[in-house]
């Protein structure tokens, strides 16, 4: 058996490059922002729904129920941001 011809392999993992470390930090920052924005919305919707189950069965009915929850959430947000009068004016236009 000729050991001189076989390549040596290191069992140690290579050190993380500075670029890779920076990308990891950026991803972590993006996840913090996502948790604060996107997941807040779903948490609010789940609280409105009773935090556990849908009240309907079958995929079509569950989709409809979820769509109604999302519509209600979006209307509530628009009213909070714009106010009732500008929203009504926009709906009439």
PDB file of N, CA and C in Angstrom:
ATOM      1  N   UNK A   1       0.844  -1.163   0.000  1.00  0.00           N
ATOM      2  CA  UNK A   1       0.000   0.000   0.000  1.00  0.00           C
ATOM      3  C   UNK A   1       0.894   1.232   0.000  1.00  0.00           C
ATOM      4  N   UNK A   2       0.704   2.077  -0.996  1.00  0.00           N
ATOM      5  CA  UNK A   2       1.546   3.251  -1.177  1.00  0.00           C
ATOM      6  C   UNK A   2       0.824   4.477  -0.622  1.00  0.00           C
ATOM      7  N   UNK A   3       1.243   4.970   0.548  1.00  0.00           N
ATOM      8  CA  UNK A   3       0.605   6.120   1.169  1.00  0.00           C
ATOM      9  C   UNK A   3       1.062   7.433   0.557  1.00  0.00           C
ATOM     10  N   UNK A   4       2.164   7.466  -0.103  1.00  0.00           N
ATOM     11  CA  UNK A   4       2.691   8.703  -0.666  1.00  0.00           C
ATOM     12  C   UNK A   4       1.816   9.198  -1.822  1.00  0.00           C
ATOM     13  N   UNK A   5       1.154   8.282  -2.540  1.00  0.00           N
ATOM     14  CA  UNK A   5       0.351   8.667  -3.690  1.00  0.00           C
ATOM     15  C   UNK A   5      -1.060   9.118  -3.295  1.00  0.00           C
ATOM     16  N   UNK A   6      -1.529   8.742  -2.097  1.00  0.00           N
ATOM     17  CA  UNK A   6      -2.898   9.113  -1.717  1.00  0.00           C
ATOM     18  C   UNK A   6      -2.925  10.531  -1.137  1.00  0.00           C
ATOM     19  N   UNK A   7      -3.929  11.319  -1.522  1.00  0.00           N
ATOM     20  CA  UNK A   7      -3.999  12.696  -1.028  1.00  0.00           C
ATOM     21  C   UNK A   7      -4.388  12.708   0.452  1.00  0.00           C
ATOM     22  N   UNK A   8      -3.890  13.676   1.170  1.00  0.00           N
ATOM     23  CA  UNK A   8      -4.227  13.810   2.582  1.00  0.00           C
ATOM     24  C   UNK A   8      -5.549  14.572   2.697  1.00  0.00           C
ATOM     25  N   UNK A   9      -6.311  14.186   3.648  1.00  0.00           N
ATOM     26  CA  UNK A   9      -7.582  14.858   3.879  1.00  0.00           C
ATOM     27  C   UNK A   9      -7.618  15.384   5.307  1.00  0.00           C
ATOM     28  N   UNK A  10      -8.093  16.573   5.430  1.00  0.00           N
ATOM     29  CA  UNK A  10      -8.220  17.181   6.747  1.00  0.00           C
ATOM     30  C   UNK A  10      -9.629  16.943   7.262  1.00  0.00           C
ATOM     31  N   UNK A  11      -9.733  16.579   8.526  1.00  0.00           N
ATOM     32  CA  UNK A  11     -11.039  16.387   9.138  1.00  0.00           C
ATOM     33  C   UNK A  11     -11.572  17.686   9.729  1.00  0.00           C
ATOM     34  N   UNK A  12     -10.742  18.693   9.752  1.00  0.00           N
ATOM     35  CA  UNK A  12     -11.135  19.983  10.302  1.00  0.00           C
ATOM     36  C   UNK A  12     -11.890  20.780   9.239  1.00  0.00           C
ATOM     37  N   UNK A  13     -12.992  21.398   9.639  1.00  0.00           N
ATOM     38  CA  UNK A  13     -13.776  22.210   8.707  1.00  0.00           C
ATOM     39  C   UNK A  13     -13.006  23.486   8.386  1.00  0.00           C
ATOM     40  N   UNK A  14     -13.082  23.938   7.142  1.00  0.00           N
ATOM     41  CA  UNK A  14     -12.385  25.179   6.794  1.00  0.00           C
ATOM     42  C   UNK A  14     -13.020  26.358   7.526  1.00  0.00           C
ATOM     43  N   UNK A  15     -12.214  27.353   7.835  1.00  0.00           N
ATOM     44  CA  UNK A  15     -12.723  28.538   8.526  1.00  0.00           C
ATOM     45  C   UNK A  15     -13.701  29.282   7.628  1.00  0.00           C
ATOM     46  N   UNK A  16     -14.709  29.884   8.232  1.00  0.00           N
ATOM     47  CA  UNK A  16     -15.709  30.621   7.470  1.00  0.00           C
ATOM     48  C   UNK A  16     -15.089  31.907   6.933  1.00  0.00           C
ATOM     49  N   UNK A  17     -15.335  32.169   5.678  1.00  0.00           N
ATOM     50  CA  UNK A  17     -14.770  33.371   5.073  1.00  0.00           C
ATOM     51  C   UNK A  17     -15.482  34.608   5.606  1.00  0.00           C
ATOM     52  N   UNK A  18     -14.846  35.766   5.583  1.00  0.00           N
ATOM     53  CA  UNK A  18     -15.507  36.991   6.045  1.00  0.00           C
ATOM     54  C   UNK A  18     -16.772  37.325   5.254  1.00  0.00           C
ATOM     55  N   UNK A  19     -16.764  37.028   3.966  1.00  0.00           N
ATOM     56  CA  UNK A  19     -17.944  37.290   3.136  1.00  0.00           C
ATOM     57  C   UNK A  19     -19.104  36.408   3.581  1.00  0.00           C
ATOM     58  N   UNK A  20     -18.809  35.142   3.832  1.00  0.00           N
ATOM     59  CA  UNK A  20     -19.846  34.219   4.271  1.00  0.00           C
ATOM     60  C   UNK A  20     -20.386  34.619   5.645  1.00  0.00           C
ATOM     61  N   UNK A  21     -19.505  35.054   6.527  1.00  0.00           N
ATOM     62  CA  UNK A  21     -19.935  35.487   7.854  1.00  0.00           C
ATOM     63  C   UNK A  21     -20.839  36.715   7.748  1.00  0.00           C
ATOM     64  N   UNK A  22     -20.515  37.630   6.864  1.00  0.00           N
ATOM     65  CA  UNK A  22     -21.335  38.822   6.657  1.00  0.00           C
ATOM     66  C   UNK A  22     -22.708  38.454   6.121  1.00  0.00           C
ATOM     67  N   UNK A  23     -22.744  37.529   5.161  1.00  0.00           N
ATOM     68  CA  UNK A  23     -24.026  37.091   4.609  1.00  0.00           C
ATOM     69  C   UNK A  23     -24.895  36.449   5.688  1.00  0.00           C
ATOM     70  N   UNK A  24     -24.271  35.690   6.580  1.00  0.00           N
ATOM     71  CA  UNK A  24     -25.017  35.067   7.671  1.00  0.00           C
ATOM     72  C   UNK A  24     -25.623  36.135   8.581  1.00  0.00           C
ATOM     73  N   UNK A  25     -24.867  37.182   8.890  1.00  0.00           N
ATOM     74  CA  UNK A  25     -25.386  38.264   9.723  1.00  0.00           C
ATOM     75  C   UNK A  25     -26.526  39.002   9.033  1.00  0.00           C
ATOM     76  N   UNK A  26     -26.396  39.214   7.723  1.00  0.00           N
ATOM     77  CA  UNK A  26     -27.444  39.902   6.963  1.00  0.00           C
ATOM     78  C   UNK A  26     -28.723  39.071   6.962  1.00  0.00           C
ATOM     79  N   UNK A  27     -28.575  37.747   6.756  1.00  0.00           N
ATOM     80  CA  UNK A  27     -29.746  36.869   6.778  1.00  0.00           C
ATOM     81  C   UNK A  27     -30.440  36.917   8.138  1.00  0.00           C
ATOM     82  N   UNK A  28     -29.655  36.934   9.205  1.00  0.00           N
ATOM     83  CA  UNK A  28     -30.228  36.995  10.554  1.00  0.00           C
ATOM     84  C   UNK A  28     -30.991  38.307  10.746  1.00  0.00           C
ATOM     85  N   UNK A  29     -30.442  39.408  10.241  1.00  0.00           N
ATOM     86  CA  UNK A  29     -31.126  40.703  10.348  1.00  0.00           C
ATOM     87  C   UNK A  29     -32.428  40.691   9.557  1.00  0.00           C
ATOM     88  N   UNK A  30     -32.413  40.093   8.378  1.00  0.00           N
ATOM     89  CA  UNK A  30     -33.633  40.001   7.567  1.00  0.00           C
ATOM     90  C   UNK A  30     -34.695  39.166   8.275  1.00  0.00           C
ATOM     91  N   UNK A  31     -34.285  38.086   8.940  1.00  0.00           N
ATOM     92  CA  UNK A  31     -35.240  37.250   9.652  1.00  0.00           C
ATOM     93  C   UNK A  31     -35.856  38.007  10.830  1.00  0.00           C
ATOM     94  N   UNK A  32     -35.063  38.841  11.518  1.00  0.00           N
ATOM     95  CA  UNK A  32     -35.618  39.647  12.608  1.00  0.00           C
ATOM     96  C   UNK A  32     -36.704  40.585  12.078  1.00  0.00           C
ATOM     97  N   UNK A  33     -36.442  41.205  10.931  1.00  0.00           N
ATOM     98  CA  UNK A  33     -37.424  42.106  10.318  1.00  0.00           C
ATOM     99  C   UNK A  33     -38.662  41.326   9.899  1.00  0.00           C
ATOM    100  N   UNK A  34     -38.462  40.150   9.311  1.00  0.00           N
ATOM    101  CA  UNK A  34     -39.589  39.331   8.857  1.00  0.00           C
ATOM    102  C   UNK A  34     -40.464  38.929  10.035  1.00  0.00           C
ATOM    103  N   UNK A  35     -39.834  38.510  11.127  1.00  0.00           N
ATOM    104  CA  UNK A  35     -40.610  38.126  12.305  1.00  0.00           C
ATOM    105  C   UNK A  35     -41.430  39.297  12.835  1.00  0.00           C
ATOM    106  N   UNK A  36     -40.874  40.491  12.731  1.00  0.00           N
ATOM    107  CA  UNK A  36     -41.560  41.662  13.268  1.00  0.00           C
ATOM    108  C   UNK A  36     -42.684  42.143  12.363  1.00  0.00           C
ATOM    109  N   UNK A  37     -42.660  41.791  11.080  1.00  0.00           N
ATOM    110  CA  UNK A  37     -43.676  42.290  10.153  1.00  0.00           C
ATOM    111  C   UNK A  37     -44.616  41.194   9.686  1.00  0.00           C
ATOM    112  N   UNK A  38     -44.113  40.233   8.975  1.00  0.00           N
ATOM    113  CA  UNK A  38     -44.963  39.197   8.377  1.00  0.00           C
ATOM    114  C   UNK A  38     -45.608  38.319   9.435  1.00  0.00           C
ATOM    115  N   UNK A  39     -44.832  37.849  10.370  1.00  0.00           N
ATOM    116  CA  UNK A  39     -45.385  36.916  11.337  1.00  0.00           C
ATOM    117  C   UNK A  39     -46.336  37.602  12.310  1.00  0.00           C
ATOM    118  N   UNK A  40     -46.202  38.906  12.485  1.00  0.00           N
ATOM    119  CA  UNK A  40     -47.164  39.652  13.302  1.00  0.00           C
ATOM    120  C   UNK A  40     -48.555  39.552  12.685  1.00  0.00           C
ATOM    121  N   UNK A  41     -48.616  39.688  11.371  1.00  0.00           N
ATOM    122  CA  UNK A  41     -49.885  39.608  10.655  1.00  0.00           C
ATOM    123  C   UNK A  41     -50.552  38.260  10.884  1.00  0.00           C
ATOM    124  N   UNK A  42     -49.798  37.173  10.727  1.00  0.00           N
ATOM    125  CA  UNK A  42     -50.381  35.852  10.904  1.00  0.00           C
ATOM    126  C   UNK A  42     -50.756  35.598  12.360  1.00  0.00           C
ATOM    127  N   UNK A  43     -49.992  36.144  13.282  1.00  0.00           N
ATOM    128  CA  UNK A  43     -50.343  36.022  14.696  1.00  0.00           C
ATOM    129  C   UNK A  43     -51.661  36.723  14.996  1.00  0.00           C
ATOM    130  N   UNK A  44     -51.842  37.911  14.411  1.00  0.00           N
ATOM    131  CA  UNK A  44     -53.089  38.652  14.598  1.00  0.00           C
ATOM    132  C   UNK A  44     -54.257  37.885  14.000  1.00  0.00           C
ATOM    133  N   UNK A  45     -54.074  37.364  12.800  1.00  0.00           N
ATOM    134  CA  UNK A  45     -55.143  36.595  12.159  1.00  0.00           C
ATOM    135  C   UNK A  45     -55.505  35.366  12.984  1.00  0.00           C
ATOM    136  N   UNK A  46     -54.493  34.676  13.498  1.00  0.00           N
ATOM    137  CA  UNK A  46     -54.763  33.486  14.305  1.00  0.00           C
ATOM    138  C   UNK A  46     -55.515  33.855  15.579  1.00  0.00           C
ATOM    139  N   UNK A  47     -55.166  35.001  16.175  1.00  0.00           N
ATOM    140  CA  UNK A  47     -55.875  35.431  17.383  1.00  0.00           C
ATOM    141  C   UNK A  47     -57.339  35.710  17.064  1.00  0.00           C
ATOM    142  N   UNK A  48     -57.602  36.359  15.934  1.00  0.00           N
ATOM    143  CA  UNK A  48     -58.979  36.621  15.524  1.00  0.00           C
ATOM    144  C   UNK A  48     -59.745  35.325  15.293  1.00  0.00           C
ATOM    145  N   UNK A  49     -59.037  34.320  14.785  1.00  0.00           N
ATOM    146  CA  UNK A  49     -59.683  33.052  14.448  1.00  0.00           C
ATOM    147  C   UNK A  49     -59.888  32.175  15.679  1.00  0.00           C
ATOM    148  N   UNK A  50     -59.399  32.585  16.818  1.00  0.00           N
ATOM    149  CA  UNK A  50     -59.499  31.746  18.001  1.00  0.00           C
ATOM    150  C   UNK A  50     -58.205  31.004  18.260  1.00  0.00           C
ATOM    151  N   UNK A  51     -57.150  31.344  17.507  1.00  0.00           N
ATOM    152  CA  UNK A  51     -55.783  30.866  17.697  1.00  0.00           C
ATOM    153  C   UNK A  51     -55.549  29.383  17.450  1.00  0.00           C
ATOM    154  N   UNK A  52     -56.562  28.650  17.008  1.00  0.00           N
ATOM    155  CA  UNK A  52     -56.299  27.229  16.799  1.00  0.00           C
ATOM    156  C   UNK A  52     -56.763  26.728  15.439  1.00  0.00           C
ATOM    157  N   UNK A  53     -58.050  26.579  15.272  1.00  0.00           N
ATOM    158  CA  UNK A  53     -58.561  25.864  14.102  1.00  0.00           C
ATOM    159  C   UNK A  53     -59.458  26.745  13.239  1.00  0.00           C
ATOM    160  N   UNK A  54     -59.598  26.302  11.997  1.00  0.00           N
ATOM    161  CA  UNK A  54     -60.592  26.922  11.130  1.00  0.00           C
ATOM    162  C   UNK A  54     -61.962  26.400  11.524  1.00  0.00           C
ATOM    163  N   UNK A  55     -62.980  27.196  11.290  1.00  0.00           N
ATOM    164  CA  UNK A  55     -64.333  26.797  11.662  1.00  0.00           C
ATOM    165  C   UNK A  55     -65.001  25.958  10.572  1.00  0.00           C
ATOM    166  N   UNK A  56     -64.400  25.916   9.402  1.00  0.00           N
ATOM    167  CA  UNK A  56     -64.980  25.172   8.286  1.00  0.00           C
ATOM    168  C   UNK A  56     -64.131  23.952   7.965  1.00  0.00           C
ATOM    169  N   UNK A  57     -64.670  23.118   7.104  1.00  0.00           N
ATOM    170  CA  UNK A  57     -63.957  21.937   6.622  1.00  0.00           C
ATOM    171  C   UNK A  57     -63.898  21.999   5.106  1.00  0.00           C
ATOM    172  N   UNK A  58     -63.055  21.214   4.544  1.00  0.00           N
ATOM    173  CA  UNK A  58     -62.721  21.131   3.121  1.00  0.00           C
ATOM    174  C   UNK A  58     -61.845  22.319   2.727  1.00  0.00           C
ATOM    175  N   UNK A  59     -60.954  22.046   1.837  1.00  0.00           N
ATOM    176  CA  UNK A  59     -59.960  23.036   1.428  1.00  0.00           C
ATOM    177  C   UNK A  59     -60.604  24.287   0.847  1.00  0.00           C
ATOM    178  N   UNK A  60     -61.618  24.122   0.023  1.00  0.00           N
ATOM    179  CA  UNK A  60     -62.273  25.275  -0.602  1.00  0.00           C
ATOM    180  C   UNK A  60     -62.877  26.213   0.446  1.00  0.00           C
ATOM    181  N   UNK A  61     -63.551  25.640   1.445  1.00  0.00           N
ATOM    182  CA  UNK A  61     -64.181  26.455   2.485  1.00  0.00           C
ATOM    183  C   UNK A  61     -63.144  27.104   3.402  1.00  0.00           C
ATOM    184  N   UNK A  62     -62.056  26.379   3.686  1.00  0.00           N
ATOM    185  CA  UNK A  62     -60.989  26.940   4.517  1.00  0.00           C
ATOM    186  C   UNK A  62     -60.324  28.103   3.788  1.00  0.00           C
ATOM    187  N   UNK A  63     -60.117  27.960   2.478  1.00  0.00           N
ATOM    188  CA  UNK A  63     -59.556  29.068   1.682  1.00  0.00           C
ATOM    189  C   UNK A  63     -60.461  30.292   1.751  1.00  0.00           C
ATOM    190  N   UNK A  64     -61.761  30.065   1.648  1.00  0.00           N
ATOM    191  CA  UNK A  64     -62.715  31.174   1.719  1.00  0.00           C
ATOM    192  C   UNK A  64     -62.666  31.832   3.090  1.00  0.00           C
ATOM    193  N   UNK A  65     -62.647  31.030   4.137  1.00  0.00           N
ATOM    194  CA  UNK A  65     -62.583  31.570   5.496  1.00  0.00           C
ATOM    195  C   UNK A  65     -61.304  32.385   5.698  1.00  0.00           C
ATOM    196  N   UNK A  66     -60.179  31.854   5.238  1.00  0.00           N
ATOM    197  CA  UNK A  66     -58.911  32.574   5.380  1.00  0.00           C
ATOM    198  C   UNK A  66     -58.934  33.861   4.563  1.00  0.00           C
ATOM    199  N   UNK A  67     -59.509  33.832   3.376  1.00  0.00           N
ATOM    200  CA  UNK A  67     -59.608  35.032   2.542  1.00  0.00           C
ATOM    201  C   UNK A  67     -60.420  36.116   3.238  1.00  0.00           C
ATOM    202  N   UNK A  68     -61.496  35.729   3.912  1.00  0.00           N
ATOM    203  CA  UNK A  68     -62.305  36.704   4.649  1.00  0.00           C
ATOM    204  C   UNK A  68     -61.520  37.307   5.820  1.00  0.00           C
ATOM    205  N   UNK A  69     -60.745  36.479   6.512  1.00  0.00           N
ATOM    206  CA  UNK A  69     -59.905  36.993   7.603  1.00  0.00           C
ATOM    207  C   UNK A  69     -58.869  37.984   7.069  1.00  0.00           C
ATOM    208  N   UNK A  70     -58.243  37.644   5.949  1.00  0.00           N
ATOM    209  CA  UNK A  70     -57.228  38.523   5.359  1.00  0.00           C
ATOM    210  C   UNK A  70     -57.866  39.823   4.882  1.00  0.00           C
ATOM    211  N   UNK A  71     -59.035  39.741   4.272  1.00  0.00           N
ATOM    212  CA  UNK A  71     -59.736  40.944   3.825  1.00  0.00           C
ATOM    213  C   UNK A  71     -60.063  41.850   5.012  1.00  0.00           C
ATOM    214  N   UNK A  72     -60.565  41.271   6.084  1.00  0.00           N
ATOM    215  CA  UNK A  72     -60.888  42.056   7.277  1.00  0.00           C
ATOM    216  C   UNK A  72     -59.635  42.701   7.859  1.00  0.00           C
ATOM    217  N   UNK A  73     -58.546  41.961   7.901  1.00  0.00           N
ATOM    218  CA  UNK A  73     -57.280  42.505   8.423  1.00  0.00           C
ATOM    219  C   UNK A  73     -56.816  43.678   7.558  1.00  0.00           C
ATOM    220  N   UNK A  74     -56.845  43.491   6.254  1.00  0.00           N
ATOM    221  CA  UNK A  74     -56.382  44.546   5.345  1.00  0.00           C
ATOM    222  C   UNK A  74     -57.260  45.793   5.432  1.00  0.00           C
ATOM    223  N   UNK A  75     -58.582  45.618   5.517  1.00  0.00           N
ATOM    224  CA  UNK A  75     -59.480  46.773   5.667  1.00  0.00           C
ATOM    225  C   UNK A  75     -59.210  47.521   6.975  1.00  0.00           C
ATOM    226  N   UNK A  76     -59.000  46.777   8.039  1.00  0.00           N
ATOM    227  CA  UNK A  76     -58.710  47.397   9.327  1.00  0.00           C
ATOM    228  C   UNK A  76     -57.403  48.201   9.253  1.00  0.00           C
ATOM    229  N   UNK A  77     -56.393  47.665   8.578  1.00  0.00           N
ATOM    230  CA  UNK A  77     -55.110  48.374   8.435  1.00  0.00           C
ATOM    231  C   UNK A  77     -55.263  49.640   7.588  1.00  0.00           C
ATOM    232  N   UNK A  78     -56.019  49.545   6.487  1.00  0.00           N
ATOM    233  CA  UNK A  78     -56.219  50.714   5.623  1.00  0.00           C
ATOM    234  C   UNK A  78     -56.951  51.812   6.390  1.00  0.00           C
ATOM    235  N   UNK A  79     -57.944  51.439   7.157  1.00  0.00           N
ATOM    236  CA  UNK A  79     -58.677  52.428   7.965  1.00  0.00           C
ATOM    237  C   UNK A  79     -57.741  53.070   8.985  1.00  0.00           C
ATOM    238  N   UNK A  80     -56.868  52.270   9.588  1.00  0.00           N
ATOM    239  CA  UNK A  80     -55.931  52.817  10.574  1.00  0.00           C
ATOM    240  C   UNK A  80     -54.918  53.755   9.925  1.00  0.00           C
ATOM    241  N   UNK A  81     -54.523  53.466   8.690  1.00  0.00           N
ATOM    242  CA  UNK A  81     -53.500  54.270   8.015  1.00  0.00           C
ATOM    243  C   UNK A  81     -54.115  55.508   7.359  1.00  0.00           C
ATOM    244  N   UNK A  82     -55.174  55.312   6.575  1.00  0.00           N
ATOM    245  CA  UNK A  82     -55.763  56.424   5.815  1.00  0.00           C
ATOM    246  C   UNK A  82     -56.876  57.145   6.557  1.00  0.00           C
ATOM    247  N   UNK A  83     -57.672  56.397   7.275  1.00  0.00           N
ATOM    248  CA  UNK A  83     -58.879  56.944   7.878  1.00  0.00           C
ATOM    249  C   UNK A  83     -60.087  56.531   7.056  1.00  0.00           C
ATOM    250  N   UNK A  84     -61.268  56.709   7.628  1.00  0.00           N
ATOM    251  CA  UNK A  84     -62.494  56.243   6.974  1.00  0.00           C
ATOM    252  C   UNK A  84     -62.840  57.086   5.746  1.00  0.00           C
ATOM    253  N   UNK A  85     -62.799  58.403   5.877  1.00  0.00           N
ATOM    254  CA  UNK A  85     -63.214  59.280   4.766  1.00  0.00           C
ATOM    255  C   UNK A  85     -62.360  59.074   3.504  1.00  0.00           C
ATOM    256  N   UNK A  86     -61.013  59.078   3.612  1.00  0.00           N
ATOM    257  CA  UNK A  86     -60.216  58.838   2.393  1.00  0.00           C
ATOM    258  C   UNK A  86     -60.457  57.447   1.798  1.00  0.00           C
ATOM    259  N   UNK A  87     -60.676  56.466   2.654  1.00  0.00           N
ATOM    260  CA  UNK A  87     -60.961  55.119   2.135  1.00  0.00           C
ATOM    261  C   UNK A  87     -62.277  55.096   1.374  1.00  0.00           C
ATOM    262  N   UNK A  88     -63.303  55.713   1.937  1.00  0.00           N
ATOM    263  CA  UNK A  88     -64.601  55.756   1.254  1.00  0.00           C
ATOM    264  C   UNK A  88     -64.493  56.534  -0.056  1.00  0.00           C
ATOM    265  N   UNK A  89     -63.723  57.623  -0.073  1.00  0.00           N
ATOM    266  CA  UNK A  89     -63.536  58.409  -1.303  1.00  0.00           C
ATOM    267  C   UNK A  89     -62.810  57.566  -2.356  1.00  0.00           C
ATOM    268  N   UNK A  90     -61.828  56.809  -1.934  1.00  0.00           N
ATOM    269  CA  UNK A  90     -61.096  55.952  -2.878  1.00  0.00           C
ATOM    270  C   UNK A  90     -61.982  54.844  -3.420  1.00  0.00           C
ATOM    271  N   UNK A  91     -62.864  54.321  -2.592  1.00  0.00           N
ATOM    272  CA  UNK A  91     -63.768  53.248  -3.034  1.00  0.00           C
ATOM    273  C   UNK A  91     -64.820  53.787  -3.998  1.00  0.00           C
ATOM    274  N   UNK A  92     -65.208  55.062  -3.862  1.00  0.00           N
ATOM    275  CA  UNK A  92     -66.189  55.648  -4.763  1.00  0.00           C
ATOM    276  C   UNK A  92     -65.579  56.028  -6.107  1.00  0.00           C
ATOM    277  N   UNK A  93     -64.281  56.265  -6.125  1.00  0.00           N
ATOM    278  CA  UNK A  93     -63.603  56.725  -7.361  1.00  0.00           C
ATOM    279  C   UNK A  93     -63.470  55.596  -8.365  1.00  0.00           C
TER     280      UNK A  93
END
